[in-house]
Every structure is written in structure tokens, then in C-alpha cells.
Amino acid sequence: MTAPLTALPASITAGDSIAWTLTRDDYPAAAGWTLSFVFINGAAKIAMASTAVGDRHAIAIEAATTALYTPGKYTYAGFAANGTVRHTIERGSMDVLPNLAVQSTYDGRAWYDKAIEALEAAIARRADKTQMSQVLPNGVQVQHLPLRDQIEALRQLKQIRAAAAGKWKKTITPRFKN
């Protein structure tokens, strides 16, 4: 195993071992403080706690444990606790990436790319059953949209994709009246 990280990573891969140590001068482990983290999203909740290593806090998670993590983006909060006192010390997000070694297939495209493909196929009248059952962000399936709405949804999804890539900018042009 490699040397422990000194900060919470931005992403981890399900099925990998992970370890990190944190030094918090305001919450030293030797003074009885423990750190814990909760990661949560719409599909799962993950909790972990530190152990004291001198004044530092160490967290180690075995590969067998992370193999059970559901891939996705998680919001997390970190807490420092000592007896009945608890403080939120950190908030952020972290991605759990899929373990490709155990996947039989994997489609890593963003949801909007899948929806764009489904709408383009539906408009061209070559969509398969899976594409026609694609659910759009408004909760409606592609098969239930009239052609006009499919085209509008396609336009909006392409704007979402461009914005996610940092390529879409709305230009505001001022007008002045005399």
C-alpha cells in the first residue's frame, strides 16, 4: 500500500484500499478528539471514523469495504468530537468511481449524453426500446413526447452539455432607449 494521503481525496475507486491522515491543531487526537466523516447521496450513505496516531487522525478503509460502495458523487461532512462536544469541520464532495475490474460492461457517459443520443434516435425514427424508455429530467419518457417537444428537449440538453464542458455562455446585450 502507498503512503497515506494527508487530505481527503477528491475521488476514490470502489474496490481500492484507501488511507489518509489528518493533522488538526485545533482538534488533536492526543487530547481525545476523533474525526468522523459521513458521505451521502441519493443511493447510499457511508460513514467512517479516525483512530489516533499521536496528535494525528488516521483513517484506513480496506478494499473489501470500498468494494461495497455505490459509485456516484457524494456530499460529505467531517466532524470533530470529544465527549459530548461536536463540531462540523469540513464539507465538500467526493466521487466514488466504479471498479472496472468487476464490471461486465460500463457506459461512463453523462446522463445528458445518453438522453441526447436517445432523442436524436427518436427524432430520426431509429430509436431502440431502451432509448425510447429513456427518462428525461422532467420525468417524462422519450416515447411520450411529441416530436416538437423532443426537438426542444434535445436543444436544452445540448445547452446543458455545453455548460458542463464550460463552452456555453449566454451573451447579454444591453439596449438603451432614448
C-alpha atoms as a PDB file:
ATOM      1  CA  MET A   1       0.000   0.000   0.000  1.00  0.00           C
ATOM      2  CA  THR A   2       1.253   3.501  -0.742  1.00  0.00           C
ATOM      3  CA  ALA A   3       1.873   6.149   1.903  1.00  0.00           C
ATOM      4  CA  PRO A   4      -1.328   7.588   3.397  1.00  0.00           C
ATOM      5  CA  LEU A   5      -2.725  10.766   1.903  1.00  0.00           C
ATOM      6  CA  THR A   6      -2.677  13.910   4.021  1.00  0.00           C
ATOM      7  CA  ALA A   7      -6.096  15.162   2.926  1.00  0.00           C
ATOM      8  CA  LEU A   8      -9.419  13.738   1.892  1.00  0.00           C
ATOM      9  CA  PRO A   9      -9.125  12.680  -1.762  1.00  0.00           C
ATOM     10  CA  ALA A  10     -11.368  14.145  -4.475  1.00  0.00           C
ATOM     11  CA  SER A  11     -12.240  10.637  -5.654  1.00  0.00           C
ATOM     12  CA  ILE A  12     -11.777   7.015  -4.728  1.00  0.00           C
ATOM     13  CA  THR A  13     -12.343   3.835  -6.693  1.00  0.00           C
ATOM     14  CA  ALA A  14     -14.674   1.199  -5.307  1.00  0.00           C
ATOM     15  CA  GLY A  15     -12.582  -1.870  -4.521  1.00  0.00           C
ATOM     16  CA  ASP A  16      -9.370   0.051  -3.745  1.00  0.00           C
ATOM     17  CA  SER A  17      -7.799   0.390  -0.312  1.00  0.00           C
ATOM     18  CA  ILE A  18      -7.568   3.964   0.885  1.00  0.00           C
ATOM     19  CA  ALA A  19      -5.842   5.632   3.803  1.00  0.00           C
ATOM     20  CA  TRP A  20      -5.222   9.190   4.883  1.00  0.00           C
ATOM     21  CA  THR A  21      -4.014  11.067   7.922  1.00  0.00           C
ATOM     22  CA  LEU A  22      -5.147  14.472   9.025  1.00  0.00           C
ATOM     23  CA  THR A  23      -3.467  16.856  11.404  1.00  0.00           C
ATOM     24  CA  ARG A  24      -5.839  19.320  13.015  1.00  0.00           C
ATOM     25  CA  ASP A  25      -4.035  21.550  15.513  1.00  0.00           C
ATOM     26  CA  ASP A  26      -7.380  22.721  16.885  1.00  0.00           C
ATOM     27  CA  TYR A  27      -8.581  19.105  17.395  1.00  0.00           C
ATOM     28  CA  PRO A  28      -5.519  16.973  18.331  1.00  0.00           C
ATOM     29  CA  ALA A  29      -6.126  13.249  18.600  1.00  0.00           C
ATOM     30  CA  ALA A  30      -3.901  13.029  21.691  1.00  0.00           C
ATOM     31  CA  ALA A  31      -6.349  15.339  23.515  1.00  0.00           C
ATOM     32  CA  GLY A  32      -9.223  12.916  22.922  1.00  0.00           C
ATOM     33  CA  TRP A  33     -10.636  14.357  19.683  1.00  0.00           C
ATOM     34  CA  THR A  34     -11.846  11.955  16.981  1.00  0.00           C
ATOM     35  CA  LEU A  35     -12.709  12.808  13.419  1.00  0.00           C
ATOM     36  CA  SER A  36     -15.549  11.170  11.524  1.00  0.00           C
ATOM     37  CA  PHE A  37     -16.926  11.611   8.043  1.00  0.00           C
ATOM     38  CA  VAL A  38     -20.323  10.948   6.511  1.00  0.00           C
ATOM     39  CA  PHE A  39     -20.699  10.658   2.729  1.00  0.00           C
ATOM     40  CA  ILE A  40     -24.230  10.653   1.365  1.00  0.00           C
ATOM     41  CA  ASN A  41     -26.136  10.793  -1.914  1.00  0.00           C
ATOM     42  CA  GLY A  42     -29.492   9.602  -3.196  1.00  0.00           C
ATOM     43  CA  ALA A  43     -28.361   5.971  -3.344  1.00  0.00           C
ATOM     44  CA  ALA A  44     -26.136   5.375  -0.326  1.00  0.00           C
ATOM     45  CA  LYS A  45     -24.610   6.585   2.924  1.00  0.00           C
ATOM     46  CA  ILE A  46     -21.035   5.890   4.007  1.00  0.00           C
ATOM     47  CA  ALA A  47     -19.656   6.593   7.482  1.00  0.00           C
ATOM     48  CA  MET A  48     -16.059   6.341   8.689  1.00  0.00           C
ATOM     49  CA  ALA A  49     -14.107   7.352  11.793  1.00  0.00           C
ATOM     50  CA  SER A  50     -10.481   8.053  12.584  1.00  0.00           C
ATOM     51  CA  THR A  51      -8.101   6.442  15.016  1.00  0.00           C
ATOM     52  CA  ALA A  52      -5.489   8.381  16.972  1.00  0.00           C
ATOM     53  CA  VAL A  53      -1.849   8.275  15.904  1.00  0.00           C
ATOM     54  CA  GLY A  54      -0.195  10.728  18.275  1.00  0.00           C
ATOM     55  CA  ASP A  55      -1.797  14.089  17.540  1.00  0.00           C
ATOM     56  CA  ARG A  56      -2.863  12.956  14.055  1.00  0.00           C
ATOM     57  CA  HIS A  57      -6.054  11.284  12.890  1.00  0.00           C
ATOM     58  CA  ALA A  58      -5.724   8.215  10.661  1.00  0.00           C
ATOM     59  CA  ILE A  59      -8.444   6.713   8.502  1.00  0.00           C
ATOM     60  CA  ALA A  60      -7.905   3.444   6.649  1.00  0.00           C
ATOM     61  CA  ILE A  61     -10.516   1.582   4.613  1.00  0.00           C
ATOM     62  CA  GLU A  62      -9.902  -1.905   3.279  1.00  0.00           C
ATOM     63  CA  ALA A  63     -10.538  -2.859  -0.342  1.00  0.00           C
ATOM     64  CA  ALA A  64     -13.301  -5.287   0.666  1.00  0.00           C
ATOM     65  CA  THR A  65     -15.187  -2.410   2.317  1.00  0.00           C
ATOM     66  CA  THR A  66     -14.846   0.061  -0.563  1.00  0.00           C
ATOM     67  CA  ALA A  67     -15.900  -2.700  -2.992  1.00  0.00           C
ATOM     68  CA  LEU A  68     -19.380  -2.351  -1.476  1.00  0.00           C
ATOM     69  CA  TYR A  69     -19.558   1.419  -2.116  1.00  0.00           C
ATOM     70  CA  THR A  70     -22.098   2.524  -4.706  1.00  0.00           C
ATOM     71  CA  PRO A  71     -20.391   4.634  -7.400  1.00  0.00           C
ATOM     72  CA  GLY A  72     -21.515   8.246  -7.705  1.00  0.00           C
ATOM     73  CA  LYS A  73     -20.991  11.765  -6.411  1.00  0.00           C
ATOM     74  CA  TYR A  74     -21.291  12.100  -2.653  1.00  0.00           C
ATOM     75  CA  THR A  75     -21.677  15.149  -0.452  1.00  0.00           C
ATOM     76  CA  TYR A  76     -19.716  14.785   2.735  1.00  0.00           C
ATOM     77  CA  ALA A  77     -19.302  16.406   6.117  1.00  0.00           C
ATOM     78  CA  GLY A  78     -16.424  15.951   8.545  1.00  0.00           C
ATOM     79  CA  PHE A  79     -16.896  16.192  12.305  1.00  0.00           C
ATOM     80  CA  ALA A  80     -14.551  16.572  15.262  1.00  0.00           C
ATOM     81  CA  ALA A  81     -15.887  15.141  18.519  1.00  0.00           C
ATOM     82  CA  ASN A  82     -14.630  14.940  22.082  1.00  0.00           C
ATOM     83  CA  GLY A  83     -17.101  13.562  24.593  1.00  0.00           C
ATOM     84  CA  THR A  84     -20.363  15.476  24.207  1.00  0.00           C
ATOM     85  CA  VAL A  85     -18.819  18.250  22.089  1.00  0.00           C
ATOM     86  CA  ARG A  86     -19.047  18.023  18.286  1.00  0.00           C
ATOM     87  CA  HIS A  87     -18.060  20.499  15.569  1.00  0.00           C
ATOM     88  CA  THR A  88     -18.538  20.321  11.805  1.00  0.00           C
ATOM     89  CA  ILE A  89     -15.053  20.987  10.468  1.00  0.00           C
ATOM     90  CA  GLU A  90     -15.355  20.316   6.764  1.00  0.00           C
ATOM     91  CA  ARG A  91     -17.872  19.947   3.932  1.00  0.00           C
ATOM     92  CA  GLY A  92     -17.400  19.061   0.320  1.00  0.00           C
ATOM     93  CA  SER A  93     -17.959  16.439  -2.332  1.00  0.00           C
ATOM     94  CA  MET A  94     -16.169  13.308  -3.408  1.00  0.00           C
ATOM     95  CA  ASP A  95     -16.690  10.864  -6.265  1.00  0.00           C
ATOM     96  CA  VAL A  96     -16.729   7.114  -5.823  1.00  0.00           C
ATOM     97  CA  LEU A  97     -15.634   5.714  -9.165  1.00  0.00           C
ATOM     98  CA  PRO A  98     -16.754   2.259 -10.350  1.00  0.00           C
ATOM     99  CA  ASN A  99     -14.438  -0.714 -10.079  1.00  0.00           C
ATOM    100  CA  LEU A 100     -13.941  -1.510 -13.761  1.00  0.00           C
ATOM    101  CA  ALA A 101     -12.268  -4.830 -12.897  1.00  0.00           C
ATOM    102  CA  VAL A 102     -15.625  -6.286 -11.835  1.00  0.00           C
ATOM    103  CA  GLN A 103     -17.841  -4.640 -14.477  1.00  0.00           C
ATOM    104  CA  SER A 104     -19.036  -6.709 -17.432  1.00  0.00           C
ATOM    105  CA  THR A 105     -19.987  -3.508 -19.304  1.00  0.00           C
ATOM    106  CA  TYR A 106     -19.779   0.153 -18.445  1.00  0.00           C
ATOM    107  CA  ASP A 107     -21.244   3.280 -20.010  1.00  0.00           C
ATOM    108  CA  GLY A 108     -19.428   6.194 -18.435  1.00  0.00           C
ATOM    109  CA  ARG A 109     -21.262   8.864 -20.377  1.00  0.00           C
ATOM    110  CA  ALA A 110     -23.081  11.612 -18.529  1.00  0.00           C
ATOM    111  CA  TRP A 111     -26.877  11.291 -18.262  1.00  0.00           C
ATOM    112  CA  TYR A 112     -27.403  14.150 -20.708  1.00  0.00           C
ATOM    113  CA  ASP A 113     -25.246  12.469 -23.373  1.00  0.00           C
ATOM    114  CA  LYS A 114     -27.395   9.326 -23.082  1.00  0.00           C
ATOM    115  CA  ALA A 115     -30.570  11.431 -23.316  1.00  0.00           C
ATOM    116  CA  ILE A 116     -29.235  13.349 -26.330  1.00  0.00           C
ATOM    117  CA  GLU A 117     -28.468  10.069 -28.118  1.00  0.00           C
ATOM    118  CA  ALA A 118     -31.945   8.746 -27.301  1.00  0.00           C
ATOM    119  CA  LEU A 119     -33.668  11.913 -28.539  1.00  0.00           C
ATOM    120  CA  GLU A 120     -31.618  12.056 -31.738  1.00  0.00           C
ATOM    121  CA  ALA A 121     -32.503   8.413 -32.453  1.00  0.00           C
ATOM    122  CA  ALA A 122     -36.200   9.040 -31.688  1.00  0.00           C
ATOM    123  CA  ILE A 123     -36.313  12.078 -33.967  1.00  0.00           C
ATOM    124  CA  ALA A 124     -34.651  10.034 -36.757  1.00  0.00           C
ATOM    125  CA  ARG A 125     -37.135   7.179 -36.054  1.00  0.00           C
ATOM    126  CA  ARG A 126     -34.359   4.656 -35.366  1.00  0.00           C
ATOM    127  CA  ALA A 127     -34.553   4.506 -31.558  1.00  0.00           C
ATOM    128  CA  ASP A 128     -34.491   1.134 -29.869  1.00  0.00           C
ATOM    129  CA  LYS A 129     -36.657   0.122 -26.907  1.00  0.00           C
ATOM    130  CA  THR A 130     -34.035   1.258 -24.366  1.00  0.00           C
ATOM    131  CA  GLN A 131     -33.696   4.687 -25.963  1.00  0.00           C
ATOM    132  CA  MET A 132     -37.463   5.165 -26.168  1.00  0.00           C
ATOM    133  CA  SER A 133     -37.775   4.370 -22.454  1.00  0.00           C
ATOM    134  CA  GLN A 134     -35.067   6.913 -21.518  1.00  0.00           C
ATOM    135  CA  VAL A 135     -36.455   9.185 -18.783  1.00  0.00           C
ATOM    136  CA  LEU A 136     -35.675  12.878 -19.180  1.00  0.00           C
ATOM    137  CA  PRO A 137     -35.016  15.261 -16.262  1.00  0.00           C
ATOM    138  CA  ASN A 138     -38.674  16.315 -16.221  1.00  0.00           C
ATOM    139  CA  GLY A 139     -39.638  12.662 -15.557  1.00  0.00           C
ATOM    140  CA  VAL A 140     -41.180  12.066 -18.985  1.00  0.00           C
ATOM    141  CA  GLN A 141     -40.084   9.186 -21.202  1.00  0.00           C
ATOM    142  CA  VAL A 142     -38.873   9.953 -24.726  1.00  0.00           C
ATOM    143  CA  GLN A 143     -41.685   7.815 -26.203  1.00  0.00           C
ATOM    144  CA  HIS A 144     -44.338  10.042 -24.631  1.00  0.00           C
ATOM    145  CA  LEU A 145     -43.031  13.309 -26.097  1.00  0.00           C
ATOM    146  CA  PRO A 146     -44.396  14.746 -29.338  1.00  0.00           C
ATOM    147  CA  LEU A 147     -41.745  15.458 -31.977  1.00  0.00           C
ATOM    148  CA  ARG A 148     -41.805  19.212 -31.297  1.00  0.00           C
ATOM    149  CA  ASP A 149     -41.059  18.585 -27.589  1.00  0.00           C
ATOM    150  CA  GLN A 150     -38.342  16.046 -28.454  1.00  0.00           C
ATOM    151  CA  ILE A 151     -36.571  18.690 -30.539  1.00  0.00           C
ATOM    152  CA  GLU A 152     -36.876  21.306 -27.768  1.00  0.00           C
ATOM    153  CA  ALA A 153     -35.621  18.808 -25.151  1.00  0.00           C
ATOM    154  CA  LEU A 154     -32.675  17.994 -27.424  1.00  0.00           C
ATOM    155  CA  ARG A 155     -31.805  21.689 -27.733  1.00  0.00           C
ATOM    156  CA  GLN A 156     -31.935  22.153 -23.951  1.00  0.00           C
ATOM    157  CA  LEU A 157     -29.843  19.051 -23.275  1.00  0.00           C
ATOM    158  CA  LYS A 158     -27.168  20.236 -25.696  1.00  0.00           C
ATOM    159  CA  GLN A 159     -27.036  23.516 -23.752  1.00  0.00           C
ATOM    160  CA  ILE A 160     -26.629  21.545 -20.514  1.00  0.00           C
ATOM    161  CA  ARG A 161     -23.795  19.531 -22.075  1.00  0.00           C
ATOM    162  CA  ALA A 162     -22.087  22.705 -23.326  1.00  0.00           C
ATOM    163  CA  ALA A 163     -22.437  24.358 -19.905  1.00  0.00           C
ATOM    164  CA  ALA A 164     -20.973  21.283 -18.190  1.00  0.00           C
ATOM    165  CA  ALA A 165     -17.999  21.483 -20.551  1.00  0.00           C
ATOM    166  CA  GLY A 166     -17.637  25.218 -19.877  1.00  0.00           C
ATOM    167  CA  LYS A 167     -18.370  26.077 -23.503  1.00  0.00           C
ATOM    168  CA  TRP A 168     -21.780  27.670 -23.235  1.00  0.00           C
ATOM    169  CA  LYS A 169     -22.083  31.341 -22.458  1.00  0.00           C
ATOM    170  CA  LYS A 170     -25.142  33.459 -22.638  1.00  0.00           C
ATOM    171  CA  THR A 171     -24.439  36.865 -24.093  1.00  0.00           C
ATOM    172  CA  ILE A 172     -26.435  39.714 -22.652  1.00  0.00           C
ATOM    173  CA  THR A 173     -26.697  42.677 -24.977  1.00  0.00           C
ATOM    174  CA  PRO A 174     -27.892  45.930 -23.400  1.00  0.00           C
ATOM    175  CA  ARG A 175     -30.384  48.146 -25.231  1.00  0.00           C
ATOM    176  CA  PHE A 176     -30.863  51.772 -24.469  1.00  0.00           C
ATOM    177  CA  LYS A 177     -33.962  53.825 -25.160  1.00  0.00           C
ATOM    178  CA  ASN A 178     -33.938  57.488 -25.897  1.00  0.00           C
END
